[in-house]
Amino acid sequence: MAGLSARFELERHGNGANLASMEGLRGFAVFLVFLVHFADLVRPWTGSGSIGIGVLNTLGLAGHTGVDLFFVLSGYLIYGSLISRPRPFGPYLQRRLQRIYPTFLFVFVVYLVLSLALPAQSKLPTEPLALMMFLGSNLLLLPGILPLEPLITVAWSLSYELFFYLTVPLLIGGLGLRSWSRAARCWLVGALALAIAAYCAVFTGHVRLIMFLAGILLFEAMAARRRVQLNAAMVVGALLIGLIVTVVRPSGSVGYALRTVCLFVSFFVVCYGCFVRPGSSVARSFSWTPLRWLGNMSYSYYLIHGLALKAAFMGMAWMWTPTALSPTGLVLVFVLMFTWSLVPASMLFLVIERPLSLAPGKQARVPSASPVASR
């Protein structure tokens, strides 16, 4: 255990109890993302109309909230590090890019090699100019914010992260937010979130950006002198409501905006409840050591787990003709696939991410929360 702890624990600053639940929330978020890809890839082994397919559909839909939780935690940490004191933009951006690119570039190269080796699975355009534009846009992390196809499917969220990294310093500096009262900043951020949600409900758009604003409000709430104490039932209830609304899946741009607003409130309450009472049963549950370790390597896991699952299911299909599995068989496959996905993710974290992006002496004075926020 001591050997694993030395590899998967990260240096902490500030309130260790709060940071423990934050790490666990990050692990929970990436596990939700795993559910999305597992539910999609295991479908050939489920019978149509079976109970299993219904459970998988539910898990897959609930899993989509994992990225939203990442955005909340990212908003909390990045905004918190910038609003607390002025920071030169150049070093700040350099640190953010150092946090993103080493691991991303390694996985990007892996995808390129596999695309060339397995042309039937490749997303690469055959026309040279189109290929150059495809690779360039992916290297600049444009797919997601822009309607472009990502080479690494999950990398669309990195474009949201980068957009937030670039805009939040401009928002703070341009409006002089450090000189505003906390209440005034909260009113501004709340109004901005409602305006974005209303616009996206009518015209569609990137409504999930408001999840970063939930993180900003979370920081302001935690920095306030008077804090509201939430009990475990309220925190768990908020989490269940957010997941249920996502599973119900309201239709249309209005329904999607309402779903996102619901998650905005839900994840704010969940995170606030854990941070304001680090000794509560919910916060201690999210502080479970294996969950925290998963959270600490969540960026590596996030980028590589889809490829690992795809390879495992391709091998499974080669060895066994897809056929409906029993509920027990599905559970066994679920456990095996999740366990397997931890192997390449751990290697990527230990060999690439930790030494190149989390090197001692180069860490920001805030804990890691989203796959790429902080450290």
Protein backbone atom coordinates (compact mmCIF):
# COMPACT_ATOMS: atom_id res chain seq x y z
CA MET A 1 0.00 0.00 0.00
CA ALA A 2 2.86 2.38 0.83
CA GLY A 3 4.32 1.86 -2.64
CA LEU A 4 1.02 2.62 -4.33
CA SER A 5 0.50 5.64 -2.12
CA ALA A 6 3.85 7.09 -3.18
CA ARG A 7 2.82 6.78 -6.82
CA PHE A 8 -0.82 7.84 -6.78
CA GLU A 9 -0.97 10.40 -3.96
CA LEU A 10 -0.35 13.98 -5.02
CA GLU A 11 1.14 16.75 -2.94
CA ARG A 12 -1.57 18.79 -1.27
CA HIS A 13 -1.74 22.43 -0.27
CA GLY A 14 -4.29 24.07 2.01
CA ASN A 15 -7.12 22.14 3.65
CA GLY A 16 -6.29 18.48 3.12
CA ALA A 17 -9.75 17.32 4.18
CA ASN A 18 -11.44 19.43 1.53
CA LEU A 19 -8.95 18.35 -1.11
CA ALA A 20 -9.50 14.68 -0.33
CA SER A 21 -13.20 14.85 -1.21
CA MET A 22 -12.33 16.95 -4.26
CA GLU A 23 -10.01 14.23 -5.53
CA GLY A 24 -12.74 11.67 -4.92
CA LEU A 25 -15.30 13.75 -6.80
CA ARG A 26 -12.92 13.80 -9.72
CA GLY A 27 -12.62 10.02 -9.54
CA PHE A 28 -16.41 9.72 -9.44
CA ALA A 29 -16.65 12.00 -12.48
CA VAL A 30 -14.27 9.92 -14.58
CA PHE A 31 -16.07 6.73 -13.52
CA LEU A 32 -19.28 8.26 -14.88
CA VAL A 33 -17.48 8.84 -18.18
CA PHE A 34 -16.39 5.19 -18.19
CA LEU A 35 -20.07 4.19 -17.94
CA VAL A 36 -20.83 6.01 -21.20
CA HIS A 37 -18.26 4.11 -23.23
CA PHE A 38 -18.84 0.76 -21.57
CA ALA A 39 -22.59 0.97 -22.20
CA ASP A 40 -21.98 1.77 -25.86
CA LEU A 41 -19.37 -0.91 -26.55
CA VAL A 42 -21.07 -3.79 -24.69
CA ARG A 43 -24.35 -3.51 -26.65
CA PRO A 44 -23.58 -6.41 -29.04
CA TRP A 45 -23.52 -8.68 -25.99
CA THR A 46 -26.97 -7.62 -24.73
CA GLY A 47 -30.25 -9.00 -26.01
CA SER A 48 -32.78 -6.57 -27.45
CA GLY A 49 -35.54 -5.77 -24.98
CA SER A 50 -33.63 -7.32 -22.07
CA ILE A 51 -33.32 -5.84 -18.61
CA GLY A 52 -29.61 -5.48 -19.25
CA ILE A 53 -30.09 -3.10 -22.17
CA GLY A 54 -32.37 -0.92 -20.07
CA VAL A 55 -29.80 -0.75 -17.27
CA LEU A 56 -27.04 0.04 -19.75
CA ASN A 57 -29.08 2.83 -21.34
CA THR A 58 -29.63 4.34 -17.90
CA LEU A 59 -25.95 4.07 -16.95
CA GLY A 60 -24.86 5.52 -20.27
CA LEU A 61 -27.15 8.53 -19.97
CA ALA A 62 -26.18 9.17 -16.34
CA GLY A 63 -22.52 8.89 -17.29
CA HIS A 64 -22.72 11.96 -19.52
CA THR A 65 -22.80 14.10 -16.39
CA GLY A 66 -19.19 13.22 -15.57
CA VAL A 67 -17.81 15.93 -17.84
CA ASP A 68 -20.18 18.48 -16.31
CA LEU A 69 -18.81 17.69 -12.86
CA PHE A 70 -15.28 18.13 -14.18
CA PHE A 71 -16.22 21.57 -15.49
CA VAL A 72 -17.59 22.64 -12.10
CA LEU A 73 -14.40 21.62 -10.32
CA SER A 74 -12.27 23.27 -12.98
CA GLY A 75 -14.21 26.52 -12.65
CA TYR A 76 -13.76 26.41 -8.88
CA LEU A 77 -10.01 25.94 -8.99
CA ILE A 78 -8.98 28.07 -11.94
CA TYR A 79 -11.15 31.02 -10.94
CA GLY A 80 -10.03 30.67 -7.34
CA SER A 81 -6.36 30.78 -8.29
CA LEU A 82 -6.89 33.90 -10.43
CA ILE A 83 -9.30 35.94 -8.30
CA SER A 84 -7.20 35.55 -5.16
CA ARG A 85 -4.23 37.47 -6.55
CA PRO A 86 -3.05 38.93 -9.88
CA ARG A 87 -1.10 36.47 -12.00
CA PRO A 88 0.88 37.30 -15.17
CA PHE A 89 -1.00 35.89 -18.14
CA GLY A 90 2.07 34.38 -19.84
CA PRO A 91 3.22 32.09 -17.00
CA TYR A 92 -0.40 31.25 -16.20
CA LEU A 93 -1.11 30.12 -19.77
CA GLN A 94 2.19 28.27 -19.98
CA ARG A 95 1.27 26.30 -16.88
CA ARG A 96 -2.16 25.46 -18.26
CA LEU A 97 -0.66 24.24 -21.54
CA GLN A 98 1.95 22.23 -19.66
CA ARG A 99 -0.88 20.59 -17.76
CA ILE A 100 -2.73 19.64 -20.95
CA TYR A 101 -0.29 18.88 -23.70
CA PRO A 102 2.30 16.24 -22.67
CA THR A 103 -0.33 13.59 -21.97
CA PHE A 104 -2.57 14.72 -24.81
CA LEU A 105 0.26 14.63 -27.36
CA PHE A 106 1.31 11.13 -26.31
CA VAL A 107 -2.24 9.80 -26.71
CA PHE A 108 -2.59 11.78 -29.95
CA VAL A 109 0.45 10.00 -31.41
CA VAL A 110 -0.93 6.63 -30.28
CA TYR A 111 -4.17 7.38 -32.12
CA LEU A 112 -2.25 8.41 -35.24
CA VAL A 113 -0.20 5.21 -35.25
CA LEU A 114 -3.30 3.07 -34.77
CA SER A 115 -5.14 5.01 -37.49
CA LEU A 116 -2.37 4.16 -39.94
CA ALA A 117 -2.17 0.55 -38.79
CA LEU A 118 -5.97 0.06 -38.84
CA PRO A 119 -7.30 2.15 -41.73
CA ALA A 120 -10.81 0.68 -41.34
CA GLN A 121 -11.00 2.33 -37.90
CA SER A 122 -9.31 5.57 -38.97
CA LYS A 123 -10.86 9.04 -38.87
CA LEU A 124 -8.02 10.54 -40.92
CA PRO A 125 -9.03 12.22 -44.21
CA THR A 126 -7.27 10.87 -47.28
CA GLU A 127 -6.93 14.22 -49.09
CA PRO A 128 -3.63 15.92 -48.02
CA LEU A 129 -5.03 19.41 -47.37
CA ALA A 130 -7.99 18.03 -45.44
CA LEU A 131 -5.61 15.83 -43.46
CA MET A 132 -3.41 18.80 -42.54
CA MET A 133 -6.43 20.84 -41.44
CA PHE A 134 -7.80 17.90 -39.45
CA LEU A 135 -4.53 17.33 -37.60
CA GLY A 136 -3.94 21.06 -37.08
CA SER A 137 -7.39 21.69 -35.64
CA ASN A 138 -7.01 18.73 -33.29
CA LEU A 139 -3.59 19.84 -32.10
CA LEU A 140 -5.03 23.29 -31.36
CA LEU A 141 -7.90 21.68 -29.43
CA LEU A 142 -10.57 23.26 -31.61
CA PRO A 143 -13.07 20.35 -31.97
CA GLY A 144 -15.83 20.85 -29.45
CA ILE A 145 -16.05 24.61 -29.32
CA LEU A 146 -16.00 24.46 -33.12
CA PRO A 147 -18.07 21.89 -35.08
CA LEU A 148 -15.08 19.72 -36.00
CA GLU A 149 -14.48 16.02 -35.46
CA PRO A 150 -11.93 15.14 -32.75
CA LEU A 151 -9.40 12.40 -33.38
CA ILE A 152 -9.60 11.47 -29.69
CA THR A 153 -13.33 11.31 -29.08
CA VAL A 154 -13.28 12.69 -25.53
CA ALA A 155 -10.91 15.54 -26.42
CA TRP A 156 -13.85 17.80 -27.32
CA SER A 157 -14.03 18.75 -23.63
CA LEU A 158 -10.44 20.02 -23.72
CA SER A 159 -11.56 22.75 -26.11
CA TYR A 160 -14.09 23.86 -23.48
CA GLU A 161 -11.36 23.84 -20.84
CA LEU A 162 -9.00 25.86 -23.02
CA PHE A 163 -11.76 28.35 -23.85
CA PHE A 164 -12.39 28.84 -20.14
CA TYR A 165 -8.67 29.19 -19.40
CA LEU A 166 -8.42 31.98 -21.98
CA THR A 167 -11.59 33.87 -21.10
CA VAL A 168 -11.63 33.86 -17.29
CA PRO A 169 -8.46 36.02 -16.92
CA LEU A 170 -9.97 38.49 -19.41
CA LEU A 171 -13.22 38.53 -17.44
CA ILE A 172 -11.45 39.13 -14.13
CA GLY A 173 -8.97 41.67 -15.46
CA GLY A 174 -11.22 43.42 -17.96
CA LEU A 175 -14.00 44.04 -15.44
CA GLY A 176 -11.69 44.52 -12.46
CA LEU A 177 -13.56 41.84 -10.54
CA ARG A 178 -11.06 41.77 -7.67
CA SER A 179 -12.31 45.19 -6.61
CA TRP A 180 -15.97 44.12 -6.66
CA SER A 181 -17.78 42.86 -3.61
CA ARG A 182 -18.38 39.12 -3.37
CA ALA A 183 -22.14 39.66 -3.70
CA ALA A 184 -21.71 41.74 -6.86
CA ARG A 185 -19.48 39.08 -8.44
CA CYS A 186 -22.04 36.39 -7.61
CA TRP A 187 -24.87 38.41 -9.14
CA LEU A 188 -22.80 38.93 -12.30
CA VAL A 189 -21.88 35.26 -12.67
CA GLY A 190 -25.43 34.09 -11.92
CA ALA A 191 -26.87 36.51 -14.47
CA LEU A 192 -24.30 35.41 -17.05
CA ALA A 193 -25.17 31.75 -16.49
CA LEU A 194 -28.90 32.45 -16.93
CA ALA A 195 -28.25 34.52 -20.04
CA ILE A 196 -26.16 31.76 -21.65
CA ALA A 197 -28.74 29.12 -20.76
CA ALA A 198 -31.60 31.24 -22.14
CA TYR A 199 -29.70 31.96 -25.36
CA CYS A 200 -28.86 28.28 -25.86
CA ALA A 201 -32.46 27.28 -25.15
CA VAL A 202 -33.63 29.49 -28.03
CA PHE A 203 -30.75 29.34 -30.50
CA THR A 204 -28.76 26.27 -29.25
CA GLY A 205 -25.10 26.60 -28.36
CA HIS A 206 -22.50 25.57 -25.83
CA VAL A 207 -24.77 25.59 -22.80
CA ARG A 208 -22.44 23.32 -20.83
CA LEU A 209 -20.08 26.27 -20.43
CA ILE A 210 -22.29 27.41 -17.56
CA MET A 211 -20.92 24.53 -15.50
CA PHE A 212 -17.66 26.47 -15.18
CA LEU A 213 -19.73 29.35 -13.79
CA ALA A 214 -21.18 26.98 -11.19
CA GLY A 215 -17.59 26.38 -10.11
CA ILE A 216 -17.00 30.13 -9.84
CA LEU A 217 -20.04 30.50 -7.60
CA LEU A 218 -18.82 27.52 -5.59
CA PHE A 219 -15.53 29.28 -4.89
CA GLU A 220 -17.29 32.48 -3.86
CA ALA A 221 -19.63 30.53 -1.56
CA MET A 222 -16.71 28.73 0.06
CA ALA A 223 -14.83 32.01 0.55
CA ALA A 224 -17.78 33.67 2.30
CA ARG A 225 -17.66 34.16 6.06
CA ARG A 226 -21.10 32.67 6.61
CA ARG A 227 -21.62 29.20 5.17
CA VAL A 228 -24.80 27.19 4.96
CA GLN A 229 -24.48 23.71 6.49
CA LEU A 230 -26.05 21.02 4.30
CA ASN A 231 -26.91 17.58 5.67
CA ALA A 232 -26.14 14.34 3.86
CA ALA A 233 -29.73 13.85 2.66
CA MET A 234 -29.66 17.21 0.88
CA VAL A 235 -26.35 16.47 -0.83
CA VAL A 236 -27.31 12.96 -1.93
CA GLY A 237 -30.74 14.18 -3.00
CA ALA A 238 -29.18 16.89 -5.17
CA LEU A 239 -26.92 14.32 -6.83
CA LEU A 240 -29.81 11.95 -7.54
CA ILE A 241 -31.95 14.74 -8.97
CA GLY A 242 -29.18 15.75 -11.37
CA LEU A 243 -28.66 12.16 -12.53
CA ILE A 244 -32.39 11.48 -12.88
CA VAL A 245 -32.96 14.60 -14.98
CA THR A 246 -30.13 13.50 -17.27
CA VAL A 247 -31.56 9.98 -17.60
CA VAL A 248 -35.02 11.36 -18.38
CA ARG A 249 -33.26 13.35 -21.09
CA PRO A 250 -35.52 16.33 -21.89
CA SER A 251 -35.72 16.79 -25.66
CA GLY A 252 -34.88 19.79 -27.79
CA SER A 253 -32.65 22.79 -27.09
CA VAL A 254 -34.98 24.01 -24.34
CA GLY A 255 -34.97 20.63 -22.61
CA TYR A 256 -31.19 20.35 -22.89
CA ALA A 257 -30.74 23.83 -21.43
CA LEU A 258 -33.06 22.98 -18.55
CA ARG A 259 -31.16 19.74 -17.95
CA THR A 260 -27.89 21.69 -17.78
CA VAL A 261 -29.33 24.29 -15.41
CA CYS A 262 -30.50 21.45 -13.18
CA LEU A 263 -26.98 19.98 -13.18
CA PHE A 264 -25.63 23.48 -12.48
CA VAL A 265 -27.59 23.57 -9.23
CA SER A 266 -27.17 19.87 -8.45
CA PHE A 267 -23.39 19.72 -8.71
CA PHE A 268 -23.00 23.06 -6.95
CA VAL A 269 -24.89 21.61 -3.97
CA VAL A 270 -22.95 18.32 -4.06
CA CYS A 271 -19.54 20.00 -4.16
CA TYR A 272 -20.48 22.67 -1.63
CA GLY A 273 -21.90 20.05 0.72
CA CYS A 274 -18.65 18.06 0.58
CA PHE A 275 -16.33 21.06 0.92
CA VAL A 276 -18.19 22.89 3.68
CA ARG A 277 -18.44 19.75 5.83
CA PRO A 278 -15.32 17.65 5.07
CA GLY A 279 -16.11 15.38 8.01
CA SER A 280 -19.62 14.50 6.83
CA SER A 281 -20.51 11.00 5.70
CA VAL A 282 -20.83 12.10 2.06
CA ALA A 283 -17.47 13.89 2.03
CA ARG A 284 -15.80 10.91 3.70
CA SER A 285 -17.33 8.61 1.07
CA PHE A 286 -15.76 10.70 -1.69
CA SER A 287 -12.48 10.66 0.26
CA TRP A 288 -12.19 6.86 -0.10
CA THR A 289 -8.56 6.24 -1.06
CA PRO A 290 -9.07 4.18 -4.28
CA LEU A 291 -11.56 6.78 -5.53
CA ARG A 292 -9.09 9.59 -4.79
CA TRP A 293 -6.31 7.76 -6.62
CA LEU A 294 -8.59 7.36 -9.61
CA GLY A 295 -9.28 11.08 -9.38
CA ASN A 296 -5.59 11.92 -9.25
CA MET A 297 -4.94 10.06 -12.51
CA SER A 298 -8.28 11.01 -14.05
CA TYR A 299 -6.80 13.03 -16.92
CA SER A 300 -4.75 10.04 -18.10
CA TYR A 301 -7.72 7.75 -17.55
CA TYR A 302 -10.05 10.11 -19.38
CA LEU A 303 -7.87 10.24 -22.50
CA ILE A 304 -6.90 6.55 -22.78
CA HIS A 305 -9.76 4.49 -21.34
CA GLY A 306 -11.92 4.66 -24.48
CA LEU A 307 -9.10 3.25 -26.60
CA ALA A 308 -8.41 0.55 -24.01
CA LEU A 309 -12.07 -0.48 -23.94
CA LYS A 310 -12.31 -0.48 -27.72
CA ALA A 311 -9.30 -2.78 -27.98
CA ALA A 312 -10.64 -5.11 -25.29
CA PHE A 313 -14.07 -5.42 -26.90
CA MET A 314 -12.52 -6.00 -30.33
CA GLY A 315 -10.50 -8.84 -28.80
CA MET A 316 -13.60 -10.17 -27.09
CA ALA A 317 -15.51 -10.16 -30.40
CA TRP A 318 -12.62 -11.97 -32.11
CA MET A 319 -12.62 -14.73 -29.50
CA TRP A 320 -16.38 -15.04 -28.90
CA THR A 321 -19.25 -14.33 -31.24
CA PRO A 322 -21.34 -11.56 -29.67
CA THR A 323 -24.33 -13.09 -27.96
CA ALA A 324 -26.68 -12.01 -25.19
CA LEU A 325 -25.01 -12.33 -21.79
CA SER A 326 -26.80 -13.14 -18.58
CA PRO A 327 -27.03 -10.39 -15.92
CA THR A 328 -24.23 -12.11 -14.05
CA GLY A 329 -22.15 -12.23 -17.23
CA LEU A 330 -22.70 -8.51 -17.83
CA VAL A 331 -21.60 -7.68 -14.31
CA LEU A 332 -18.48 -9.82 -14.74
CA VAL A 333 -17.63 -8.12 -18.04
CA PHE A 334 -18.22 -4.73 -16.41
CA VAL A 335 -15.77 -5.49 -13.59
CA LEU A 336 -13.17 -6.95 -15.94
CA MET A 337 -13.37 -4.05 -18.38
CA PHE A 338 -13.09 -1.41 -15.69
CA THR A 339 -10.15 -3.23 -14.12
CA TRP A 340 -8.46 -3.55 -17.50
CA SER A 341 -8.97 0.14 -18.29
CA LEU A 342 -7.01 1.06 -15.17
CA VAL A 343 -3.86 -0.62 -16.51
CA PRO A 344 -2.98 1.68 -19.47
CA ALA A 345 -4.33 4.69 -17.56
CA SER A 346 -2.00 4.01 -14.63
CA MET A 347 0.96 3.55 -16.95
CA LEU A 348 0.18 6.79 -18.78
CA PHE A 349 -0.15 8.64 -15.49
CA LEU A 350 3.09 7.29 -14.02
CA VAL A 351 5.24 7.53 -17.16
CA ILE A 352 3.93 10.69 -18.86
CA GLU A 353 1.49 12.80 -16.86
CA ARG A 354 3.05 12.77 -13.42
CA PRO A 355 6.69 13.46 -14.40
CA LEU A 356 5.92 15.94 -17.19
CA SER A 357 2.83 17.78 -15.95
CA LEU A 358 2.90 17.25 -12.19
CA ALA A 359 6.63 17.64 -11.59
CA PRO A 360 7.56 18.81 -8.07
CA GLY A 361 8.30 22.50 -7.93
CA LYS A 362 6.11 23.21 -10.96
CA GLN A 363 2.78 22.62 -9.31
CA ALA A 364 0.27 25.40 -8.87
CA ARG A 365 -0.85 26.16 -5.32
CA VAL A 366 -4.23 24.57 -5.90
CA PRO A 367 -5.29 20.90 -6.02
CA SER A 368 -6.17 19.04 -9.18
CA ALA A 369 -9.89 18.75 -9.75
CA SER A 370 -10.90 18.54 -13.37
CA PRO A 371 -8.91 16.21 -15.64
CA VAL A 372 -6.66 19.13 -16.52
CA ALA A 373 -7.40 21.87 -14.01
CA SER A 374 -4.54 22.71 -11.66
CA ARG A 375 -1.22 21.20 -10.81
